[in-house]
Amino acid sequence: MNISSAIVHIVPARLDEACAALAGMPGVEIHARSPEGKVVVTVEHDDTESATKCYVALHGAPGVAAVAMVYQYCDEESDTQEVQA
């Protein structure tokens, strides 16, 4: 599981268009937005690779000028097993 939050900076004239694109992305939830173009989102995916691809997609959304990750939590099960002697 990979959960993170970010502030997405959007050109104000394209705010509605960009928010519609962000809201349509799997795992992305919009929590707040300002008329100046700052949008607070969370990103939740099953693994780090999916989350990384989502951040690339955030950067490519229409009107997005920048994406700043604020918080990230990752809880992936280890592939190693404990061995008792």
C-alpha atoms as a PDB file:
ATOM      1  CA  MET A   1       0.000   0.000   0.000  1.00  0.00           C
ATOM      2  CA  ASN A   2       1.291   3.432  -0.910  1.00  0.00           C
ATOM      3  CA  ILE A   3      -0.478   6.578   0.300  1.00  0.00           C
ATOM      4  CA  SER A   4       0.780  10.086  -0.324  1.00  0.00           C
ATOM      5  CA  SER A   5      -0.438  13.651  -0.453  1.00  0.00           C
ATOM      6  CA  ALA A   6       0.590  16.475  -2.728  1.00  0.00           C
ATOM      7  CA  ILE A   7      -0.106  20.067  -3.623  1.00  0.00           C
ATOM      8  CA  VAL A   8      -0.745  20.427  -7.335  1.00  0.00           C
ATOM      9  CA  HIS A   9      -0.111  23.924  -8.721  1.00  0.00           C
ATOM     10  CA  ILE A  10      -2.410  24.663 -11.646  1.00  0.00           C
ATOM     11  CA  VAL A  11      -2.696  27.645 -13.991  1.00  0.00           C
ATOM     12  CA  PRO A  12      -5.825  29.371 -12.583  1.00  0.00           C
ATOM     13  CA  ALA A  13      -7.465  29.744 -15.999  1.00  0.00           C
ATOM     14  CA  ARG A  14      -7.383  25.934 -16.401  1.00  0.00           C
ATOM     15  CA  LEU A  15      -8.383  25.005 -12.849  1.00  0.00           C
ATOM     16  CA  ASP A  16     -11.735  23.387 -13.687  1.00  0.00           C
ATOM     17  CA  GLU A  17     -10.292  21.427 -16.613  1.00  0.00           C
ATOM     18  CA  ALA A  18      -7.343  20.204 -14.554  1.00  0.00           C
ATOM     19  CA  CYS A  19      -9.482  19.222 -11.553  1.00  0.00           C
ATOM     20  CA  ALA A  20     -11.764  17.205 -13.821  1.00  0.00           C
ATOM     21  CA  ALA A  21      -8.701  15.369 -15.183  1.00  0.00           C
ATOM     22  CA  LEU A  22      -7.295  14.765 -11.680  1.00  0.00           C
ATOM     23  CA  ALA A  23     -10.636  13.510 -10.377  1.00  0.00           C
ATOM     24  CA  GLY A  24     -10.745  10.992 -13.212  1.00  0.00           C
ATOM     25  CA  MET A  25      -7.393   9.443 -12.332  1.00  0.00           C
ATOM     26  CA  PRO A  26      -7.571   6.131 -10.443  1.00  0.00           C
ATOM     27  CA  GLY A  27      -6.377   6.472  -6.849  1.00  0.00           C
ATOM     28  CA  VAL A  28      -6.460  10.294  -6.840  1.00  0.00           C
ATOM     29  CA  GLU A  29      -8.805  12.210  -4.543  1.00  0.00           C
ATOM     30  CA  ILE A  30      -9.119  16.005  -4.414  1.00  0.00           C
ATOM     31  CA  HIS A  31      -9.495  17.397  -0.887  1.00  0.00           C
ATOM     32  CA  ALA A  32      -9.247  21.152  -1.388  1.00  0.00           C
ATOM     33  CA  ARG A  33      -8.664  23.773  -4.062  1.00  0.00           C
ATOM     34  CA  SER A  34      -8.117  27.507  -4.154  1.00  0.00           C
ATOM     35  CA  PRO A  35      -8.980  30.040  -6.879  1.00  0.00           C
ATOM     36  CA  GLU A  36      -5.224  30.712  -7.176  1.00  0.00           C
ATOM     37  CA  GLY A  37      -4.703  27.174  -8.502  1.00  0.00           C
ATOM     38  CA  LYS A  38      -3.457  25.220  -5.486  1.00  0.00           C
ATOM     39  CA  VAL A  39      -5.107  21.801  -5.204  1.00  0.00           C
ATOM     40  CA  VAL A  40      -4.569  19.323  -2.358  1.00  0.00           C
ATOM     41  CA  VAL A  41      -4.783  15.676  -3.409  1.00  0.00           C
ATOM     42  CA  THR A  42      -4.120  12.260  -1.973  1.00  0.00           C
ATOM     43  CA  VAL A  43      -2.793   9.411  -4.072  1.00  0.00           C
ATOM     44  CA  GLU A  44      -3.414   5.815  -3.002  1.00  0.00           C
ATOM     45  CA  HIS A  45      -2.106   2.769  -4.863  1.00  0.00           C
ATOM     46  CA  ASP A  46      -1.214  -0.839  -4.104  1.00  0.00           C
ATOM     47  CA  ASP A  47       2.502  -0.455  -4.808  1.00  0.00           C
ATOM     48  CA  THR A  48       5.248   2.104  -5.319  1.00  0.00           C
ATOM     49  CA  GLU A  49       5.455   1.574  -9.085  1.00  0.00           C
ATOM     50  CA  SER A  50       1.765   2.409  -9.566  1.00  0.00           C
ATOM     51  CA  ALA A  51       2.092   5.478  -7.347  1.00  0.00           C
ATOM     52  CA  THR A  52       5.110   6.651  -9.332  1.00  0.00           C
ATOM     53  CA  LYS A  53       3.211   6.304 -12.605  1.00  0.00           C
ATOM     54  CA  CYS A  54       0.362   8.299 -11.089  1.00  0.00           C
ATOM     55  CA  TYR A  55       2.715  11.154 -10.164  1.00  0.00           C
ATOM     56  CA  VAL A  56       3.997  11.215 -13.740  1.00  0.00           C
ATOM     57  CA  ALA A  57       0.375  11.432 -14.903  1.00  0.00           C
ATOM     58  CA  LEU A  58      -0.316  14.288 -12.448  1.00  0.00           C
ATOM     59  CA  HIS A  59       2.521  16.273 -14.018  1.00  0.00           C
ATOM     60  CA  GLY A  60       0.988  15.683 -17.455  1.00  0.00           C
ATOM     61  CA  ALA A  61      -2.544  16.838 -16.603  1.00  0.00           C
ATOM     62  CA  PRO A  62      -3.743  19.935 -18.494  1.00  0.00           C
ATOM     63  CA  GLY A  63      -2.757  23.196 -16.833  1.00  0.00           C
ATOM     64  CA  VAL A  64      -0.521  21.611 -14.175  1.00  0.00           C
ATOM     65  CA  ALA A  65       2.546  23.755 -13.538  1.00  0.00           C
ATOM     66  CA  ALA A  66       4.054  21.734 -10.655  1.00  0.00           C
ATOM     67  CA  VAL A  67       3.394  18.874  -8.242  1.00  0.00           C
ATOM     68  CA  ALA A  68       4.877  18.934  -4.738  1.00  0.00           C
ATOM     69  CA  MET A  69       4.661  15.756  -2.647  1.00  0.00           C
ATOM     70  CA  VAL A  70       3.986  16.616   0.987  1.00  0.00           C
ATOM     71  CA  TYR A  71       3.715  13.208   2.654  1.00  0.00           C
ATOM     72  CA  GLN A  72       4.278   9.577   1.693  1.00  0.00           C
ATOM     73  CA  TYR A  73       3.635   6.300   3.510  1.00  0.00           C
ATOM     74  CA  CYS A  74       4.554   2.906   2.117  1.00  0.00           C
ATOM     75  CA  ASP A  75       3.744  -0.446   3.683  1.00  0.00           C
ATOM     76  CA  GLU A  76       4.874  -3.213   1.378  1.00  0.00           C
ATOM     77  CA  GLU A  77       5.190  -6.759   2.652  1.00  0.00           C
ATOM     78  CA  SER A  78       8.724  -8.018   2.741  1.00  0.00           C
ATOM     79  CA  ASP A  79       9.712 -10.894   0.479  1.00  0.00           C
ATOM     80  CA  THR A  80      12.027 -12.272   3.140  1.00  0.00           C
ATOM     81  CA  GLN A  81      10.995 -14.853   5.697  1.00  0.00           C
ATOM     82  CA  GLU A  82      12.215 -15.233   9.229  1.00  0.00           C
ATOM     83  CA  VAL A  83      14.138 -18.464   9.747  1.00  0.00           C
ATOM     84  CA  GLN A  84      14.295 -20.082  13.160  1.00  0.00           C
ATOM     85  CA  ALA A  85      17.534 -21.886  14.064  1.00  0.00           C
END
